[in-house]
Amino acid sequence: MSTSTSTSTSAGPDELLWVPVCPLDALAREAGVPALVRGEAVAVFRTHDDQVHALSNIDPVTGASVLSRGIIGTRGDEVFVASPLHKEHYALRDGRCLDDPTLRVAAYDTRVVDGEVQVGGRRPECPQ
């Protein structure tokens, strides 16, 4: 998570890539919320140590938009969300499925600016 205290009112080209989602205080620790970011269903998560992550909200096994309702946990040093449907574990860092290497969900850049959670672009290593 990066935190910026910039209060500039003019948006440069890079600023147009960031979509405000919600105030950080509105996002409970160890929980996720669904968001529509540039027409894509995204799940935004806040961990116990205030890190913010965003993954596709679409469960790749079922196609249902449910990952934001999953349970956050850890396996070793890897923080994950467990799909509420079939319990596959997806790494919050990059969307890899920790249980099945053939599964993955898209991961998005995130940041917190002046207390507001923002989601950026889809990471290039992630599926369409």
C-alpha atoms as a PDB file:
ATOM      1  CA  MET A   1       0.000   0.000   0.000  1.00  0.00           C
ATOM      2  CA  SER A   2       1.338   3.409  -0.813  1.00  0.00           C
ATOM      3  CA  THR A   3       0.130   6.523   0.903  1.00  0.00           C
ATOM      4  CA  SER A   4       0.256   9.931  -0.669  1.00  0.00           C
ATOM      5  CA  THR A   5      -0.522  13.261   0.894  1.00  0.00           C
ATOM      6  CA  SER A   6      -0.685  15.138  -2.387  1.00  0.00           C
ATOM      7  CA  THR A   7      -3.631  17.488  -2.680  1.00  0.00           C
ATOM      8  CA  SER A   8      -3.133  18.587  -6.278  1.00  0.00           C
ATOM      9  CA  THR A   9      -6.378  19.409  -8.043  1.00  0.00           C
ATOM     10  CA  SER A  10      -5.105  18.887 -11.582  1.00  0.00           C
ATOM     11  CA  ALA A  11      -4.915  15.286 -12.692  1.00  0.00           C
ATOM     12  CA  GLY A  12      -1.945  14.266 -14.797  1.00  0.00           C
ATOM     13  CA  PRO A  13      -2.146  11.360 -17.265  1.00  0.00           C
ATOM     14  CA  ASP A  14      -1.196   8.800 -14.592  1.00  0.00           C
ATOM     15  CA  GLU A  15      -3.869  10.108 -12.228  1.00  0.00           C
ATOM     16  CA  LEU A  16      -6.607   9.266 -14.734  1.00  0.00           C
ATOM     17  CA  LEU A  17      -5.784   5.566 -14.285  1.00  0.00           C
ATOM     18  CA  TRP A  18      -6.800   5.572 -10.612  1.00  0.00           C
ATOM     19  CA  VAL A  19     -10.442   5.021  -9.649  1.00  0.00           C
ATOM     20  CA  PRO A  20     -11.625   6.033  -6.159  1.00  0.00           C
ATOM     21  CA  VAL A  21     -13.435   3.155  -4.433  1.00  0.00           C
ATOM     22  CA  CYS A  22     -14.120   4.104  -0.815  1.00  0.00           C
ATOM     23  CA  PRO A  23     -12.587   5.717   2.262  1.00  0.00           C
ATOM     24  CA  LEU A  24     -10.065   3.407   3.934  1.00  0.00           C
ATOM     25  CA  ASP A  25     -12.021   3.729   7.185  1.00  0.00           C
ATOM     26  CA  ALA A  26     -15.104   2.291   5.453  1.00  0.00           C
ATOM     27  CA  LEU A  27     -13.214  -0.899   4.562  1.00  0.00           C
ATOM     28  CA  ALA A  28     -13.108  -3.242   7.561  1.00  0.00           C
ATOM     29  CA  ARG A  29      -9.860  -5.032   8.353  1.00  0.00           C
ATOM     30  CA  GLU A  30      -9.744  -8.643   7.138  1.00  0.00           C
ATOM     31  CA  ALA A  31     -12.640  -7.999   4.767  1.00  0.00           C
ATOM     32  CA  GLY A  32     -13.414  -7.216   1.162  1.00  0.00           C
ATOM     33  CA  VAL A  33     -15.880  -5.088  -0.759  1.00  0.00           C
ATOM     34  CA  PRO A  34     -17.048  -5.351  -4.357  1.00  0.00           C
ATOM     35  CA  ALA A  35     -16.457  -2.418  -6.697  1.00  0.00           C
ATOM     36  CA  LEU A  36     -17.059  -1.659 -10.342  1.00  0.00           C
ATOM     37  CA  VAL A  37     -13.790  -0.315 -11.765  1.00  0.00           C
ATOM     38  CA  ARG A  38     -13.881   0.744 -15.423  1.00  0.00           C
ATOM     39  CA  GLY A  39     -16.680  -1.760 -16.021  1.00  0.00           C
ATOM     40  CA  GLU A  40     -14.891  -4.674 -14.322  1.00  0.00           C
ATOM     41  CA  ALA A  41     -16.057  -6.436 -11.141  1.00  0.00           C
ATOM     42  CA  VAL A  42     -13.226  -5.969  -8.635  1.00  0.00           C
ATOM     43  CA  ALA A  43     -12.855  -7.137  -5.029  1.00  0.00           C
ATOM     44  CA  VAL A  44     -10.941  -4.733  -2.773  1.00  0.00           C
ATOM     45  CA  PHE A  45      -9.459  -6.128   0.451  1.00  0.00           C
ATOM     46  CA  ARG A  46      -7.901  -4.631   3.576  1.00  0.00           C
ATOM     47  CA  THR A  47      -5.616  -6.844   5.647  1.00  0.00           C
ATOM     48  CA  HIS A  48      -5.040  -6.745   9.409  1.00  0.00           C
ATOM     49  CA  ASP A  49      -1.955  -4.546   8.874  1.00  0.00           C
ATOM     50  CA  ASP A  50      -3.841  -2.080   6.629  1.00  0.00           C
ATOM     51  CA  GLN A  51      -2.439  -3.303   3.322  1.00  0.00           C
ATOM     52  CA  VAL A  52      -4.946  -2.849   0.497  1.00  0.00           C
ATOM     53  CA  HIS A  53      -5.215  -5.310  -2.405  1.00  0.00           C
ATOM     54  CA  ALA A  54      -7.549  -5.691  -5.366  1.00  0.00           C
ATOM     55  CA  LEU A  55      -8.389  -8.805  -7.368  1.00  0.00           C
ATOM     56  CA  SER A  56     -11.028  -9.645  -9.909  1.00  0.00           C
ATOM     57  CA  ASN A  57     -14.254 -10.388  -8.051  1.00  0.00           C
ATOM     58  CA  ILE A  58     -15.040 -13.220 -10.481  1.00  0.00           C
ATOM     59  CA  ASP A  59     -14.463 -16.762  -9.185  1.00  0.00           C
ATOM     60  CA  PRO A  60     -12.743 -18.485 -12.135  1.00  0.00           C
ATOM     61  CA  VAL A  61     -14.268 -21.876 -11.268  1.00  0.00           C
ATOM     62  CA  THR A  62     -17.913 -20.775 -11.324  1.00  0.00           C
ATOM     63  CA  GLY A  63     -17.912 -17.367 -13.029  1.00  0.00           C
ATOM     64  CA  ALA A  64     -19.808 -15.905 -10.061  1.00  0.00           C
ATOM     65  CA  SER A  65     -18.916 -12.441  -8.753  1.00  0.00           C
ATOM     66  CA  VAL A  66     -18.201 -13.482  -5.153  1.00  0.00           C
ATOM     67  CA  LEU A  67     -14.526 -13.219  -4.167  1.00  0.00           C
ATOM     68  CA  SER A  68     -15.135 -10.028  -2.144  1.00  0.00           C
ATOM     69  CA  ARG A  69     -17.178 -12.196   0.244  1.00  0.00           C
ATOM     70  CA  GLY A  70     -14.326 -14.658   0.789  1.00  0.00           C
ATOM     71  CA  ILE A  71     -12.379 -15.193   3.991  1.00  0.00           C
ATOM     72  CA  ILE A  72      -8.916 -13.647   4.266  1.00  0.00           C
ATOM     73  CA  GLY A  73      -6.204 -15.861   5.703  1.00  0.00           C
ATOM     74  CA  THR A  74      -2.519 -16.686   5.486  1.00  0.00           C
ATOM     75  CA  ARG A  75      -0.546 -19.691   4.344  1.00  0.00           C
ATOM     76  CA  GLY A  76       3.034 -19.201   5.470  1.00  0.00           C
ATOM     77  CA  ASP A  77       3.856 -15.631   4.423  1.00  0.00           C
ATOM     78  CA  GLU A  78       1.197 -15.570   1.694  1.00  0.00           C
ATOM     79  CA  VAL A  79      -2.002 -13.599   2.400  1.00  0.00           C
ATOM     80  CA  PHE A  80      -4.970 -15.009   0.483  1.00  0.00           C
ATOM     81  CA  VAL A  81      -8.712 -14.852   0.022  1.00  0.00           C
ATOM     82  CA  ALA A  82     -10.624 -18.146   0.066  1.00  0.00           C
ATOM     83  CA  SER A  83     -13.407 -18.306  -2.495  1.00  0.00           C
ATOM     84  CA  PRO A  84     -16.729 -18.577  -0.656  1.00  0.00           C
ATOM     85  CA  LEU A  85     -17.931 -21.186  -3.156  1.00  0.00           C
ATOM     86  CA  HIS A  86     -15.269 -23.864  -3.625  1.00  0.00           C
ATOM     87  CA  LYS A  87     -12.673 -22.588  -1.123  1.00  0.00           C
ATOM     88  CA  GLU A  88      -9.764 -22.149  -3.556  1.00  0.00           C
ATOM     89  CA  HIS A  89      -7.174 -19.789  -2.075  1.00  0.00           C
ATOM     90  CA  TYR A  90      -6.064 -16.820  -4.226  1.00  0.00           C
ATOM     91  CA  ALA A  91      -2.962 -14.824  -3.266  1.00  0.00           C
ATOM     92  CA  LEU A  92      -3.881 -11.189  -2.667  1.00  0.00           C
ATOM     93  CA  ARG A  93      -0.472 -10.091  -3.947  1.00  0.00           C
ATOM     94  CA  ASP A  94      -0.839 -11.452  -7.494  1.00  0.00           C
ATOM     95  CA  GLY A  95      -4.040 -13.508  -7.896  1.00  0.00           C
ATOM     96  CA  ARG A  96      -2.323 -16.918  -8.119  1.00  0.00           C
ATOM     97  CA  CYS A  97      -4.377 -19.855  -6.917  1.00  0.00           C
ATOM     98  CA  LEU A  98      -2.406 -21.513  -4.124  1.00  0.00           C
ATOM     99  CA  ASP A  99      -4.262 -24.811  -4.628  1.00  0.00           C
ATOM    100  CA  ASP A 100      -4.368 -25.197  -8.414  1.00  0.00           C
ATOM    101  CA  PRO A 101      -1.619 -23.697 -10.601  1.00  0.00           C
ATOM    102  CA  THR A 102      -3.985 -23.632 -13.592  1.00  0.00           C
ATOM    103  CA  LEU A 103      -6.229 -21.044 -11.885  1.00  0.00           C
ATOM    104  CA  ARG A 104      -5.578 -17.328 -11.449  1.00  0.00           C
ATOM    105  CA  VAL A 105      -7.551 -14.121 -11.067  1.00  0.00           C
ATOM    106  CA  ALA A 106      -6.530 -10.678 -12.232  1.00  0.00           C
ATOM    107  CA  ALA A 107      -4.758  -8.446  -9.710  1.00  0.00           C
ATOM    108  CA  TYR A 108      -4.897  -4.642  -9.764  1.00  0.00           C
ATOM    109  CA  ASP A 109      -2.648  -1.910  -8.451  1.00  0.00           C
ATOM    110  CA  THR A 110      -3.962  -0.149  -5.350  1.00  0.00           C
ATOM    111  CA  ARG A 111      -3.071   2.894  -3.329  1.00  0.00           C
ATOM    112  CA  VAL A 112      -4.453   5.034  -0.535  1.00  0.00           C
ATOM    113  CA  VAL A 113      -4.404   8.788  -1.091  1.00  0.00           C
ATOM    114  CA  ASP A 114      -5.594  11.123   1.644  1.00  0.00           C
ATOM    115  CA  GLY A 115      -7.512   8.264   3.255  1.00  0.00           C
ATOM    116  CA  GLU A 116      -9.222   7.181   0.012  1.00  0.00           C
ATOM    117  CA  VAL A 117      -8.719   3.684  -1.460  1.00  0.00           C
ATOM    118  CA  GLN A 118      -8.016   3.832  -5.181  1.00  0.00           C
ATOM    119  CA  VAL A 119      -7.696   1.048  -7.739  1.00  0.00           C
ATOM    120  CA  GLY A 120      -5.404   1.401 -10.723  1.00  0.00           C
ATOM    121  CA  GLY A 121      -4.845  -0.746 -13.763  1.00  0.00           C
ATOM    122  CA  ARG A 122      -4.795  -4.487 -14.112  1.00  0.00           C
ATOM    123  CA  ARG A 123      -1.302  -5.831 -13.605  1.00  0.00           C
ATOM    124  CA  PRO A 124       0.270  -6.939 -16.901  1.00  0.00           C
ATOM    125  CA  GLU A 125       1.033 -10.491 -15.723  1.00  0.00           C
ATOM    126  CA  CYS A 126      -2.677 -11.094 -15.044  1.00  0.00           C
ATOM    127  CA  PRO A 127      -5.246 -12.716 -17.326  1.00  0.00           C
ATOM    128  CA  GLN A 128      -7.842 -10.737 -19.252  1.00  0.00           C
END
